[in-house]
């Protein structure tokens, strides 16, 4: 059955390209497993759109991998390299970053049962041993951190296409420890979002919000990443 689906599915535009291996390095094998699963199951399970099937490498996997250098920078020299991915959905960017950074511990926060099932399957099939999946809304996780002193805030919080920063600030910044960093994949309107959310960012302890252009791969259009530090 899967072989039939595979034959009928359009080939990814970057299939076999050196760009993918150049960007992903040692993580390629695990992320190739992820790519095949997305190609065969992503659209029918409502995780990617029909137009995305032939551009999974660029639009979803390489785009997600663009956060990796910012996570590495934010956790440099730290003993506990903890990352929370809010609204993990199909695994973007959390699963991709986890495959690229086996020395970091990732907590994928996702409230929808069917998406949690998908994430569980992916973690198993990709053989990732640095990922924990939490079925909850970010507000619930924040409440647990406040009530239980044995739980620790995260060094980094990541997210992609979850909500505007006016809402996202409240869902992410309270998860961070002091001097932690939010790394959010955003679109071209990222600076406008920062401007609109300035008061909310400050209220939640965020400082130095900025937009940086992040490389996706040779010859590919860069993406935009919002970085916000925690006071």
N, C-alpha and C. Protein backbone atom coordinates (compact mmCIF):
# COMPACT_ATOMS: atom_id res chain seq x y z
N UNK A 1 0.82 -1.20 0.00
CA UNK A 1 0.00 0.00 0.00
C UNK A 1 0.86 1.26 0.00
N UNK A 2 1.85 1.31 0.88
CA UNK A 2 2.73 2.46 0.94
C UNK A 2 3.52 2.60 -0.35
N UNK A 3 3.94 1.46 -0.94
CA UNK A 3 4.68 1.53 -2.20
C UNK A 3 3.83 2.15 -3.31
N UNK A 4 2.53 1.82 -3.33
CA UNK A 4 1.63 2.39 -4.34
C UNK A 4 1.53 3.89 -4.16
N UNK A 5 1.34 4.33 -2.89
CA UNK A 5 1.25 5.76 -2.61
C UNK A 5 2.53 6.46 -3.04
N UNK A 6 3.66 5.81 -2.74
CA UNK A 6 4.96 6.38 -3.06
C UNK A 6 5.11 6.62 -4.55
N UNK A 7 4.65 5.65 -5.37
CA UNK A 7 4.78 5.79 -6.81
C UNK A 7 3.89 6.91 -7.36
N UNK A 8 2.74 7.12 -6.71
CA UNK A 8 1.79 8.12 -7.19
C UNK A 8 2.14 9.53 -6.72
N UNK A 9 2.99 9.63 -5.72
CA UNK A 9 3.32 10.93 -5.14
C UNK A 9 4.37 11.65 -5.97
N UNK A 10 4.17 12.94 -6.26
CA UNK A 10 5.18 13.69 -7.03
C UNK A 10 6.52 13.68 -6.31
N UNK A 11 7.59 13.61 -7.08
CA UNK A 11 8.92 13.62 -6.48
C UNK A 11 9.25 15.00 -5.95
N UNK A 12 9.91 15.03 -4.80
CA UNK A 12 10.32 16.30 -4.20
C UNK A 12 11.33 16.99 -5.11
N UNK A 13 11.19 18.29 -5.26
CA UNK A 13 12.06 19.05 -6.15
C UNK A 13 13.54 18.97 -5.75
N UNK A 14 13.81 18.75 -4.46
CA UNK A 14 15.20 18.67 -4.00
C UNK A 14 15.68 17.24 -3.78
N UNK A 15 14.89 16.26 -4.23
CA UNK A 15 15.28 14.86 -4.06
C UNK A 15 16.63 14.62 -4.74
N UNK A 16 17.59 14.11 -3.98
CA UNK A 16 18.91 13.82 -4.53
C UNK A 16 19.84 15.01 -4.62
N UNK A 17 19.36 16.19 -4.21
CA UNK A 17 20.20 17.39 -4.30
C UNK A 17 21.27 17.39 -3.20
N UNK A 18 22.46 17.86 -3.55
CA UNK A 18 23.53 17.96 -2.55
C UNK A 18 23.19 18.98 -1.47
N UNK A 19 22.29 19.91 -1.78
CA UNK A 19 21.93 20.97 -0.82
C UNK A 19 21.38 20.36 0.46
N UNK A 20 20.52 19.37 0.31
CA UNK A 20 19.89 18.75 1.48
C UNK A 20 20.94 18.13 2.39
N UNK A 21 21.84 17.35 1.81
CA UNK A 21 22.89 16.71 2.62
C UNK A 21 23.87 17.74 3.20
N UNK A 22 24.15 18.79 2.44
CA UNK A 22 25.06 19.82 2.93
C UNK A 22 24.50 20.50 4.18
N UNK A 23 23.20 20.76 4.18
CA UNK A 23 22.58 21.44 5.32
C UNK A 23 22.41 20.50 6.51
N UNK A 24 21.96 19.30 6.25
CA UNK A 24 21.56 18.40 7.33
C UNK A 24 22.70 17.55 7.88
N UNK A 25 23.73 17.32 7.10
CA UNK A 25 24.89 16.57 7.59
C UNK A 25 24.51 15.22 8.18
N UNK A 26 24.97 14.96 9.40
CA UNK A 26 24.74 13.68 10.05
C UNK A 26 23.27 13.40 10.33
N UNK A 27 22.44 14.43 10.30
CA UNK A 27 21.01 14.25 10.59
C UNK A 27 20.23 13.78 9.36
N UNK A 28 20.91 13.69 8.21
CA UNK A 28 20.19 13.39 6.97
C UNK A 28 19.41 12.08 7.04
N UNK A 29 20.02 11.00 7.52
CA UNK A 29 19.36 9.70 7.50
C UNK A 29 18.06 9.73 8.30
N UNK A 30 18.10 10.31 9.50
CA UNK A 30 16.88 10.38 10.31
C UNK A 30 15.83 11.26 9.64
N UNK A 31 16.27 12.35 9.05
CA UNK A 31 15.31 13.27 8.44
C UNK A 31 14.82 12.75 7.09
N UNK A 32 15.56 11.86 6.47
CA UNK A 32 15.06 11.21 5.27
C UNK A 32 13.90 10.28 5.62
N UNK A 33 13.99 9.62 6.76
CA UNK A 33 12.87 8.80 7.26
C UNK A 33 11.64 9.69 7.46
N UNK A 34 11.86 10.84 8.05
CA UNK A 34 10.78 11.81 8.29
C UNK A 34 10.20 12.28 6.96
N UNK A 35 11.06 12.55 6.00
CA UNK A 35 10.62 13.02 4.69
C UNK A 35 9.72 11.99 4.01
N UNK A 36 10.12 10.74 4.04
CA UNK A 36 9.33 9.69 3.41
C UNK A 36 7.96 9.57 4.09
N UNK A 37 7.96 9.65 5.40
CA UNK A 37 6.68 9.55 6.14
C UNK A 37 5.78 10.74 5.81
N UNK A 38 6.35 11.93 5.73
CA UNK A 38 5.56 13.11 5.35
C UNK A 38 5.03 12.99 3.93
N UNK A 39 5.86 12.51 3.03
CA UNK A 39 5.46 12.37 1.63
C UNK A 39 4.30 11.39 1.49
N UNK A 40 4.35 10.29 2.25
CA UNK A 40 3.34 9.25 2.12
C UNK A 40 2.08 9.49 2.96
N UNK A 41 2.24 10.15 4.10
CA UNK A 41 1.12 10.27 5.04
C UNK A 41 0.73 11.71 5.39
N UNK A 42 1.62 12.66 5.11
CA UNK A 42 1.40 14.02 5.58
C UNK A 42 0.12 14.67 5.09
N UNK A 43 -0.15 14.56 3.80
CA UNK A 43 -1.36 15.20 3.26
C UNK A 43 -2.64 14.52 3.73
N UNK A 44 -2.79 13.20 3.60
CA UNK A 44 -4.04 12.58 4.06
C UNK A 44 -4.30 12.75 5.56
N UNK A 45 -3.25 12.94 6.34
CA UNK A 45 -3.43 13.12 7.78
C UNK A 45 -3.55 14.61 8.15
N UNK A 46 -3.59 15.47 7.15
CA UNK A 46 -3.83 16.89 7.40
C UNK A 46 -2.67 17.64 7.99
N UNK A 47 -1.45 17.19 7.75
CA UNK A 47 -0.27 17.81 8.33
C UNK A 47 0.43 18.76 7.35
N UNK A 48 0.29 18.48 6.07
CA UNK A 48 0.80 19.37 5.03
C UNK A 48 -0.26 19.49 3.94
N UNK A 49 -0.20 20.57 3.17
CA UNK A 49 -1.15 20.76 2.09
C UNK A 49 -0.74 20.02 0.84
N UNK A 50 -1.68 19.83 -0.10
CA UNK A 50 -1.37 19.09 -1.34
C UNK A 50 -0.26 19.73 -2.16
N UNK A 51 -0.14 21.04 -2.11
CA UNK A 51 0.91 21.72 -2.87
C UNK A 51 2.29 21.56 -2.25
N UNK A 52 2.33 21.09 -1.00
CA UNK A 52 3.61 20.96 -0.30
C UNK A 52 4.31 19.63 -0.56
N UNK A 53 3.58 18.66 -1.13
CA UNK A 53 4.12 17.31 -1.23
C UNK A 53 5.42 17.26 -2.03
N UNK A 54 5.54 18.11 -3.05
CA UNK A 54 6.75 18.09 -3.88
C UNK A 54 7.83 19.06 -3.41
N UNK A 55 7.58 19.75 -2.29
CA UNK A 55 8.57 20.71 -1.79
C UNK A 55 8.80 20.54 -0.28
N UNK A 56 8.65 19.31 0.19
CA UNK A 56 8.78 19.04 1.63
C UNK A 56 10.18 19.40 2.14
N UNK A 57 11.21 19.02 1.37
CA UNK A 57 12.57 19.30 1.83
C UNK A 57 12.75 20.80 2.08
N UNK A 58 12.41 21.63 1.11
CA UNK A 58 12.65 23.06 1.26
C UNK A 58 11.68 23.72 2.23
N UNK A 59 10.40 23.51 2.02
CA UNK A 59 9.40 24.27 2.77
C UNK A 59 9.31 23.87 4.23
N UNK A 60 9.51 22.59 4.51
CA UNK A 60 9.29 22.13 5.88
C UNK A 60 10.57 21.69 6.60
N UNK A 61 11.41 20.90 5.96
CA UNK A 61 12.56 20.36 6.68
C UNK A 61 13.73 21.35 6.71
N UNK A 62 14.16 21.85 5.56
CA UNK A 62 15.26 22.82 5.57
C UNK A 62 14.85 24.13 6.22
N UNK A 63 13.60 24.54 6.02
CA UNK A 63 13.11 25.75 6.68
C UNK A 63 13.17 25.60 8.20
N UNK A 64 12.77 24.44 8.69
CA UNK A 64 12.83 24.18 10.14
C UNK A 64 14.27 24.13 10.64
N UNK A 65 15.16 23.55 9.83
CA UNK A 65 16.57 23.44 10.23
C UNK A 65 17.24 24.80 10.36
N UNK A 66 16.63 25.83 9.81
CA UNK A 66 17.21 27.18 9.90
C UNK A 66 17.31 27.68 11.34
N UNK A 67 16.54 27.06 12.26
CA UNK A 67 16.60 27.51 13.67
C UNK A 67 17.80 26.93 14.40
N UNK A 68 18.41 25.90 13.85
CA UNK A 68 19.46 25.17 14.57
C UNK A 68 20.63 26.05 15.02
N UNK A 69 21.20 26.89 14.15
CA UNK A 69 22.32 27.72 14.62
C UNK A 69 21.95 28.65 15.77
N UNK A 70 20.70 29.10 15.79
CA UNK A 70 20.27 30.01 16.86
C UNK A 70 20.08 29.27 18.18
N UNK A 71 19.65 28.02 18.11
CA UNK A 71 19.57 27.19 19.31
C UNK A 71 20.96 26.93 19.86
N UNK A 72 21.88 26.58 18.98
CA UNK A 72 23.27 26.30 19.39
C UNK A 72 23.88 27.53 20.05
N UNK A 73 23.66 28.69 19.46
CA UNK A 73 24.20 29.94 20.02
C UNK A 73 23.63 30.21 21.41
N UNK A 74 22.33 29.98 21.57
CA UNK A 74 21.65 30.29 22.84
C UNK A 74 22.02 29.32 23.96
N UNK A 75 22.48 28.12 23.61
CA UNK A 75 22.79 27.11 24.64
C UNK A 75 24.29 26.88 24.80
N UNK A 76 25.08 27.66 24.11
CA UNK A 76 26.54 27.47 24.16
C UNK A 76 27.05 27.55 25.59
N UNK A 77 27.81 26.54 25.99
CA UNK A 77 28.41 26.52 27.32
C UNK A 77 27.49 26.07 28.43
N UNK A 78 26.23 25.78 28.11
CA UNK A 78 25.28 25.37 29.15
C UNK A 78 25.34 23.85 29.35
N UNK A 79 25.16 23.45 30.57
CA UNK A 79 25.19 22.02 30.90
C UNK A 79 23.89 21.35 30.46
N UNK A 80 22.77 21.99 30.73
CA UNK A 80 21.47 21.43 30.37
C UNK A 80 20.92 22.21 29.17
N UNK A 81 20.95 21.57 28.03
CA UNK A 81 20.53 22.22 26.80
C UNK A 81 19.10 21.80 26.48
N UNK A 82 18.16 22.52 27.08
CA UNK A 82 16.76 22.14 26.99
C UNK A 82 16.01 23.07 26.04
N UNK A 83 15.17 22.46 25.20
CA UNK A 83 14.41 23.21 24.22
C UNK A 83 12.95 22.77 24.29
N UNK A 84 12.05 23.74 24.35
CA UNK A 84 10.61 23.46 24.24
C UNK A 84 10.13 23.96 22.89
N UNK A 85 9.41 23.10 22.18
CA UNK A 85 8.83 23.47 20.90
C UNK A 85 7.33 23.59 21.08
N UNK A 86 6.80 24.78 20.92
CA UNK A 86 5.38 25.05 21.20
C UNK A 86 4.55 24.89 19.94
N UNK A 87 3.46 24.12 20.05
CA UNK A 87 2.60 23.89 18.91
C UNK A 87 3.30 23.09 17.84
N UNK A 88 3.86 21.94 18.23
CA UNK A 88 4.74 21.18 17.33
C UNK A 88 4.05 20.68 16.07
N UNK A 89 2.75 20.38 16.14
CA UNK A 89 2.00 19.99 14.95
C UNK A 89 2.61 18.81 14.22
N UNK A 90 3.04 19.05 12.97
CA UNK A 90 3.64 17.98 12.18
C UNK A 90 5.09 17.70 12.52
N UNK A 91 5.67 18.51 13.43
CA UNK A 91 7.06 18.31 13.83
C UNK A 91 7.99 19.42 13.41
N UNK A 92 7.38 20.58 13.08
CA UNK A 92 8.16 21.73 12.60
C UNK A 92 8.15 22.85 13.63
N UNK A 93 9.31 23.33 14.08
CA UNK A 93 10.64 22.82 13.75
C UNK A 93 11.17 21.76 14.71
N UNK A 94 10.38 21.38 15.72
CA UNK A 94 10.89 20.56 16.81
C UNK A 94 11.57 19.27 16.43
N UNK A 95 10.90 18.43 15.63
CA UNK A 95 11.50 17.14 15.25
C UNK A 95 12.75 17.33 14.42
N UNK A 96 12.71 18.31 13.53
CA UNK A 96 13.86 18.56 12.66
C UNK A 96 15.06 19.01 13.49
N UNK A 97 14.84 19.96 14.38
CA UNK A 97 15.93 20.45 15.23
C UNK A 97 16.45 19.36 16.15
N UNK A 98 15.56 18.52 16.66
CA UNK A 98 15.98 17.42 17.54
C UNK A 98 16.89 16.44 16.81
N UNK A 99 16.58 16.17 15.55
CA UNK A 99 17.42 15.26 14.76
C UNK A 99 18.79 15.88 14.51
N UNK A 100 18.83 17.18 14.37
CA UNK A 100 20.10 17.88 14.09
C UNK A 100 20.94 18.07 15.35
N UNK A 101 20.29 18.06 16.52
CA UNK A 101 20.99 18.37 17.78
C UNK A 101 20.77 17.26 18.80
N UNK A 102 21.41 16.11 18.62
CA UNK A 102 21.20 14.99 19.54
C UNK A 102 21.67 15.25 20.97
N UNK A 103 22.50 16.28 21.18
CA UNK A 103 22.97 16.59 22.53
C UNK A 103 22.05 17.57 23.26
N UNK A 104 20.95 17.96 22.64
CA UNK A 104 19.94 18.81 23.27
C UNK A 104 18.71 17.96 23.59
N UNK A 105 18.00 18.33 24.66
CA UNK A 105 16.76 17.62 25.00
C UNK A 105 15.57 18.48 24.58
N UNK A 106 14.69 17.90 23.80
CA UNK A 106 13.54 18.62 23.26
C UNK A 106 12.24 18.14 23.89
N UNK A 107 11.40 19.10 24.26
CA UNK A 107 10.05 18.81 24.71
C UNK A 107 9.09 19.40 23.68
N UNK A 108 8.33 18.52 23.03
CA UNK A 108 7.37 18.96 22.02
C UNK A 108 6.01 19.13 22.68
N UNK A 109 5.49 20.34 22.65
CA UNK A 109 4.23 20.67 23.31
C UNK A 109 3.15 20.81 22.25
N UNK A 110 2.17 19.92 22.30
CA UNK A 110 1.12 19.88 21.28
C UNK A 110 -0.20 19.42 21.92
N UNK A 111 -1.27 20.18 21.79
CA UNK A 111 -2.52 19.82 22.45
C UNK A 111 -3.41 18.82 21.71
N UNK A 112 -3.26 18.69 20.39
CA UNK A 112 -4.18 17.87 19.59
C UNK A 112 -3.76 16.39 19.59
N UNK A 113 -4.70 15.52 19.95
CA UNK A 113 -4.39 14.09 20.09
C UNK A 113 -3.85 13.48 18.82
N UNK A 114 -4.46 13.78 17.67
CA UNK A 114 -4.02 13.14 16.42
C UNK A 114 -2.60 13.59 16.04
N UNK A 115 -2.24 14.81 16.39
CA UNK A 115 -0.90 15.28 16.10
C UNK A 115 0.11 14.68 17.08
N UNK A 116 -0.31 14.49 18.31
CA UNK A 116 0.56 13.82 19.29
C UNK A 116 0.85 12.39 18.83
N UNK A 117 -0.17 11.71 18.30
CA UNK A 117 0.02 10.35 17.78
C UNK A 117 1.05 10.36 16.64
N UNK A 118 0.91 11.34 15.75
CA UNK A 118 1.87 11.47 14.65
C UNK A 118 3.29 11.69 15.17
N UNK A 119 3.43 12.60 16.12
CA UNK A 119 4.76 12.90 16.67
C UNK A 119 5.36 11.66 17.33
N UNK A 120 4.54 10.91 18.06
CA UNK A 120 5.00 9.67 18.69
C UNK A 120 5.53 8.69 17.64
N UNK A 121 4.79 8.54 16.56
CA UNK A 121 5.21 7.63 15.49
C UNK A 121 6.53 8.09 14.89
N UNK A 122 6.65 9.38 14.64
CA UNK A 122 7.88 9.92 14.03
C UNK A 122 9.09 9.72 14.93
N UNK A 123 8.93 10.01 16.21
CA UNK A 123 10.04 9.84 17.16
C UNK A 123 10.51 8.39 17.16
N UNK A 124 9.55 7.46 17.13
CA UNK A 124 9.90 6.03 17.12
C UNK A 124 10.59 5.64 15.82
N UNK A 125 10.03 6.05 14.68
CA UNK A 125 10.58 5.65 13.39
C UNK A 125 11.91 6.32 13.08
N UNK A 126 12.10 7.54 13.59
CA UNK A 126 13.35 8.26 13.39
C UNK A 126 14.42 7.87 14.41
N UNK A 127 14.00 7.09 15.41
CA UNK A 127 14.89 6.62 16.48
C UNK A 127 15.55 7.80 17.21
N UNK A 128 14.71 8.73 17.62
CA UNK A 128 15.18 9.88 18.39
C UNK A 128 15.06 9.57 19.87
N UNK A 129 16.16 9.71 20.59
CA UNK A 129 16.12 9.43 22.03
C UNK A 129 16.27 10.70 22.87
N UNK A 130 16.12 11.86 22.24
CA UNK A 130 16.26 13.13 22.95
C UNK A 130 14.99 13.95 22.90
N UNK A 131 13.85 13.26 22.73
CA UNK A 131 12.57 13.96 22.56
C UNK A 131 11.53 13.44 23.55
N UNK A 132 10.84 14.38 24.18
CA UNK A 132 9.69 14.08 25.03
C UNK A 132 8.49 14.81 24.43
N UNK A 133 7.35 14.15 24.38
CA UNK A 133 6.14 14.76 23.84
C UNK A 133 5.15 14.99 24.96
N UNK A 134 4.65 16.20 25.05
CA UNK A 134 3.68 16.56 26.09
C UNK A 134 2.39 17.00 25.42
N UNK A 135 1.32 16.28 25.69
CA UNK A 135 0.02 16.69 25.15
C UNK A 135 -0.59 17.73 26.09
N UNK A 136 -0.48 18.98 25.70
CA UNK A 136 -0.98 20.09 26.53
C UNK A 136 -0.90 21.38 25.74
N UNK A 137 -1.62 22.38 26.22
CA UNK A 137 -1.44 23.72 25.70
C UNK A 137 -0.26 24.35 26.45
N UNK A 138 0.38 25.31 25.85
CA UNK A 138 1.54 25.92 26.50
C UNK A 138 1.16 26.54 27.84
N UNK A 139 -0.06 27.08 27.94
CA UNK A 139 -0.49 27.69 29.20
C UNK A 139 -0.51 26.66 30.33
N UNK A 140 -0.86 25.41 30.01
CA UNK A 140 -0.88 24.36 31.02
C UNK A 140 0.54 24.03 31.48
N UNK A 141 1.47 24.01 30.54
CA UNK A 141 2.86 23.73 30.90
C UNK A 141 3.42 24.88 31.75
N UNK A 142 3.07 26.10 31.39
CA UNK A 142 3.50 27.27 32.18
C UNK A 142 2.98 27.16 33.60
N UNK A 143 1.71 26.77 33.75
CA UNK A 143 1.11 26.63 35.09
C UNK A 143 1.83 25.56 35.90
N UNK A 144 2.24 24.46 35.25
CA UNK A 144 2.96 23.40 35.95
C UNK A 144 4.32 23.88 36.42
N UNK A 145 5.00 24.67 35.61
CA UNK A 145 6.31 25.20 35.99
C UNK A 145 6.19 26.10 37.22
N UNK A 146 5.11 26.87 37.27
CA UNK A 146 4.92 27.79 38.39
C UNK A 146 4.57 27.07 39.69
N UNK A 147 3.88 25.94 39.57
CA UNK A 147 3.44 25.21 40.76
C UNK A 147 4.48 24.25 41.30
N UNK A 148 5.31 23.73 40.43
CA UNK A 148 6.26 22.67 40.81
C UNK A 148 7.69 23.16 40.66
N UNK A 149 8.35 23.39 41.76
CA UNK A 149 9.72 23.91 41.71
C UNK A 149 10.73 22.87 41.25
N UNK A 150 10.32 21.60 41.17
CA UNK A 150 11.21 20.57 40.66
C UNK A 150 11.29 20.60 39.14
N UNK A 151 10.37 21.32 38.50
CA UNK A 151 10.40 21.49 37.05
C UNK A 151 11.16 22.76 36.71
N UNK A 152 11.91 22.73 35.64
CA UNK A 152 12.76 23.86 35.31
C UNK A 152 12.37 24.48 33.97
N UNK A 153 12.41 25.81 33.89
CA UNK A 153 12.16 26.46 32.60
C UNK A 153 13.22 26.06 31.58
N UNK A 154 12.96 26.42 30.34
CA UNK A 154 13.80 25.97 29.22
C UNK A 154 14.82 27.02 28.80
N UNK A 155 15.92 26.52 28.23
CA UNK A 155 16.94 27.44 27.72
C UNK A 155 16.48 28.11 26.43
N UNK A 156 15.71 27.37 25.64
CA UNK A 156 15.23 27.88 24.35
C UNK A 156 13.79 27.43 24.15
N UNK A 157 13.00 28.29 23.55
CA UNK A 157 11.67 27.91 23.07
C UNK A 157 11.61 28.18 21.57
N UNK A 158 11.14 27.21 20.82
CA UNK A 158 11.00 27.37 19.38
C UNK A 158 9.53 27.25 18.98
N UNK A 159 9.20 27.77 17.80
CA UNK A 159 7.85 27.62 17.27
C UNK A 159 7.85 28.03 15.81
N UNK A 160 6.82 27.61 15.11
CA UNK A 160 6.68 27.93 13.69
C UNK A 160 5.19 28.02 13.35
N UNK A 161 4.80 29.17 12.83
CA UNK A 161 3.43 29.36 12.35
C UNK A 161 2.38 28.99 13.39
N UNK A 162 2.58 29.45 14.63
CA UNK A 162 1.65 29.13 15.70
C UNK A 162 0.62 30.24 15.91
N UNK A 163 1.09 31.48 16.04
CA UNK A 163 0.19 32.61 16.32
C UNK A 163 0.97 33.91 16.16
N UNK A 164 0.27 35.04 16.03
CA UNK A 164 0.96 36.33 16.03
C UNK A 164 1.67 36.56 17.36
N UNK A 165 2.70 37.40 17.36
CA UNK A 165 3.48 37.63 18.58
C UNK A 165 2.68 38.25 19.71
N UNK A 166 1.58 38.91 19.40
CA UNK A 166 0.73 39.45 20.47
C UNK A 166 0.24 38.33 21.38
N UNK A 167 -0.05 37.17 20.80
CA UNK A 167 -0.47 36.00 21.58
C UNK A 167 0.72 35.12 21.93
N UNK A 168 1.61 34.96 20.97
CA UNK A 168 2.73 34.04 21.13
C UNK A 168 3.63 34.41 22.30
N UNK A 169 3.77 35.68 22.57
CA UNK A 169 4.63 36.13 23.68
C UNK A 169 4.19 35.51 25.00
N UNK A 170 2.89 35.49 25.23
CA UNK A 170 2.36 34.93 26.46
C UNK A 170 2.42 33.42 26.53
N UNK A 171 2.50 32.79 25.37
CA UNK A 171 2.56 31.33 25.31
C UNK A 171 3.98 30.78 25.36
N UNK A 172 4.96 31.64 25.14
CA UNK A 172 6.34 31.15 25.02
C UNK A 172 7.31 31.75 26.04
N UNK A 173 7.30 33.05 26.20
CA UNK A 173 8.30 33.69 27.06
C UNK A 173 8.25 33.19 28.51
N UNK A 174 7.06 32.91 29.09
CA UNK A 174 7.05 32.38 30.46
C UNK A 174 7.66 30.99 30.60
N UNK A 175 7.88 30.30 29.48
CA UNK A 175 8.51 28.98 29.54
C UNK A 175 10.03 29.07 29.66
N UNK A 176 10.57 30.27 29.41
CA UNK A 176 12.02 30.44 29.36
C UNK A 176 12.62 30.76 30.72
N UNK A 177 13.81 30.26 30.95
CA UNK A 177 14.55 30.65 32.13
C UNK A 177 15.20 32.01 31.87
N UNK A 178 15.66 32.70 32.92
CA UNK A 178 16.35 33.97 32.70
C UNK A 178 17.51 33.80 31.73
N UNK A 179 17.64 34.72 30.82
CA UNK A 179 18.65 34.69 29.76
C UNK A 179 18.37 33.63 28.69
N UNK A 180 17.19 33.02 28.75
CA UNK A 180 16.80 32.10 27.70
C UNK A 180 16.41 32.87 26.44
N UNK A 181 16.05 32.13 25.40
CA UNK A 181 15.76 32.80 24.12
C UNK A 181 14.61 32.14 23.37
N UNK A 182 13.72 32.97 22.86
CA UNK A 182 12.69 32.52 21.94
C UNK A 182 13.24 32.57 20.52
N UNK A 183 13.06 31.48 19.78
CA UNK A 183 13.48 31.40 18.38
C UNK A 183 12.24 31.01 17.58
N UNK A 184 11.66 31.98 16.89
CA UNK A 184 10.38 31.76 16.21
C UNK A 184 10.51 31.97 14.72
N UNK A 185 10.17 30.96 13.94
CA UNK A 185 10.15 31.10 12.49
C UNK A 185 8.93 31.92 12.09
N UNK A 186 9.16 32.96 11.30
CA UNK A 186 8.09 33.88 10.94
C UNK A 186 8.16 34.23 9.46
N UNK A 187 7.15 34.93 8.99
CA UNK A 187 7.09 35.37 7.60
C UNK A 187 7.66 36.76 7.42
N UNK A 188 7.35 37.36 6.29
CA UNK A 188 7.90 38.68 5.94
C UNK A 188 7.39 39.80 6.84
N UNK A 189 6.28 39.57 7.51
CA UNK A 189 5.71 40.61 8.37
C UNK A 189 6.24 40.54 9.80
N UNK A 190 7.36 39.86 9.99
CA UNK A 190 7.89 39.64 11.34
C UNK A 190 8.14 40.94 12.10
N UNK A 191 8.74 41.93 11.45
CA UNK A 191 9.03 43.19 12.15
C UNK A 191 7.75 43.90 12.56
N UNK A 192 6.75 43.86 11.69
CA UNK A 192 5.46 44.48 12.02
C UNK A 192 4.83 43.79 13.23
N UNK A 193 4.99 42.46 13.31
CA UNK A 193 4.48 41.72 14.48
C UNK A 193 5.19 42.17 15.75
N UNK A 194 6.50 42.34 15.67
CA UNK A 194 7.26 42.79 16.84
C UNK A 194 6.78 44.16 17.28
N UNK A 195 6.61 45.07 16.33
CA UNK A 195 6.17 46.42 16.65
C UNK A 195 4.81 46.41 17.34
N UNK A 196 3.91 45.59 16.83
CA UNK A 196 2.56 45.53 17.39
C UNK A 196 2.55 44.88 18.78
N UNK A 197 3.47 43.95 19.00
CA UNK A 197 3.48 43.19 20.26
C UNK A 197 4.47 43.73 21.28
N UNK A 198 5.05 44.89 21.04
CA UNK A 198 6.13 45.41 21.89
C UNK A 198 5.76 45.43 23.38
N UNK A 199 4.57 45.91 23.70
CA UNK A 199 4.16 46.01 25.11
C UNK A 199 3.99 44.62 25.72
N UNK A 200 3.41 43.71 24.96
CA UNK A 200 3.18 42.35 25.47
C UNK A 200 4.51 41.63 25.67
N UNK A 201 5.44 41.83 24.75
CA UNK A 201 6.77 41.23 24.89
C UNK A 201 7.45 41.70 26.16
N UNK A 202 7.43 43.01 26.39
CA UNK A 202 8.05 43.58 27.59
C UNK A 202 7.36 43.08 28.86
N UNK A 203 6.03 43.00 28.81
CA UNK A 203 5.25 42.53 29.96
C UNK A 203 5.65 41.11 30.36
N UNK A 204 5.99 40.30 29.39
CA UNK A 204 6.34 38.90 29.65
C UNK A 204 7.83 38.71 29.91
N UNK A 205 8.58 39.80 30.03
CA UNK A 205 10.01 39.71 30.34
C UNK A 205 10.89 39.58 29.13
N UNK A 206 10.37 39.85 27.95
CA UNK A 206 11.17 39.76 26.74
C UNK A 206 11.95 41.03 26.49
N UNK A 207 13.17 40.87 26.03
CA UNK A 207 14.02 42.04 25.71
C UNK A 207 14.71 41.80 24.37
N UNK A 208 15.11 42.90 23.76
CA UNK A 208 15.86 42.88 22.51
C UNK A 208 15.20 42.03 21.42
N UNK A 209 13.91 42.27 21.15
CA UNK A 209 13.29 41.53 20.04
C UNK A 209 13.85 41.99 18.70
N UNK A 210 14.18 41.07 17.83
CA UNK A 210 14.74 41.44 16.54
C UNK A 210 14.43 40.36 15.51
N UNK A 211 14.53 40.75 14.25
CA UNK A 211 14.33 39.83 13.13
C UNK A 211 15.66 39.60 12.44
N UNK A 212 15.98 38.35 12.18
CA UNK A 212 17.19 38.04 11.43
C UNK A 212 16.82 37.20 10.22
N UNK A 213 17.59 37.34 9.16
CA UNK A 213 17.39 36.53 7.98
C UNK A 213 18.23 35.27 8.13
N UNK A 214 17.60 34.14 7.97
CA UNK A 214 18.29 32.86 8.21
C UNK A 214 18.42 32.07 6.92
N UNK A 215 19.60 31.57 6.66
CA UNK A 215 19.85 30.77 5.47
C UNK A 215 19.10 29.44 5.55
N UNK A 216 18.55 29.01 4.43
CA UNK A 216 17.86 27.73 4.33
C UNK A 216 18.71 26.71 3.59
N UNK A 217 19.42 27.17 2.57
CA UNK A 217 20.29 26.29 1.80
C UNK A 217 20.76 27.01 0.56
N UNK A 218 21.83 26.52 -0.03
CA UNK A 218 22.41 27.15 -1.21
C UNK A 218 21.37 27.28 -2.33
N UNK A 219 21.20 28.52 -2.81
CA UNK A 219 20.28 28.75 -3.91
C UNK A 219 18.82 28.84 -3.51
N UNK A 220 18.52 28.72 -2.21
CA UNK A 220 17.15 28.76 -1.74
C UNK A 220 16.87 30.08 -1.02
N UNK A 221 15.62 30.51 -1.08
CA UNK A 221 15.25 31.76 -0.44
C UNK A 221 15.39 31.66 1.07
N UNK A 222 16.04 32.64 1.71
CA UNK A 222 16.18 32.59 3.17
C UNK A 222 14.84 32.78 3.86
N UNK A 223 14.80 32.44 5.12
CA UNK A 223 13.59 32.63 5.92
C UNK A 223 13.83 33.68 6.98
N UNK A 224 12.80 34.00 7.75
CA UNK A 224 12.91 35.03 8.79
C UNK A 224 12.72 34.40 10.16
N UNK A 225 13.59 34.76 11.07
CA UNK A 225 13.52 34.25 12.43
C UNK A 225 13.44 35.42 13.40
N UNK A 226 12.49 35.36 14.30
CA UNK A 226 12.38 36.34 15.38
C UNK A 226 13.11 35.80 16.61
N UNK A 227 14.00 36.60 17.15
CA UNK A 227 14.73 36.25 18.37
C UNK A 227 14.32 37.22 19.47
N UNK A 228 13.96 36.68 20.63
CA UNK A 228 13.63 37.50 21.79
C UNK A 228 14.31 36.88 23.01
N UNK A 229 15.09 37.66 23.72
CA UNK A 229 15.76 37.17 24.92
C UNK A 229 14.86 37.36 26.13
N UNK A 230 15.08 36.53 27.13
CA UNK A 230 14.31 36.62 28.38
C UNK A 230 15.14 37.36 29.43
N UNK A 231 14.55 38.35 30.02
CA UNK A 231 15.24 39.16 31.01
C UNK A 231 15.67 38.31 32.20
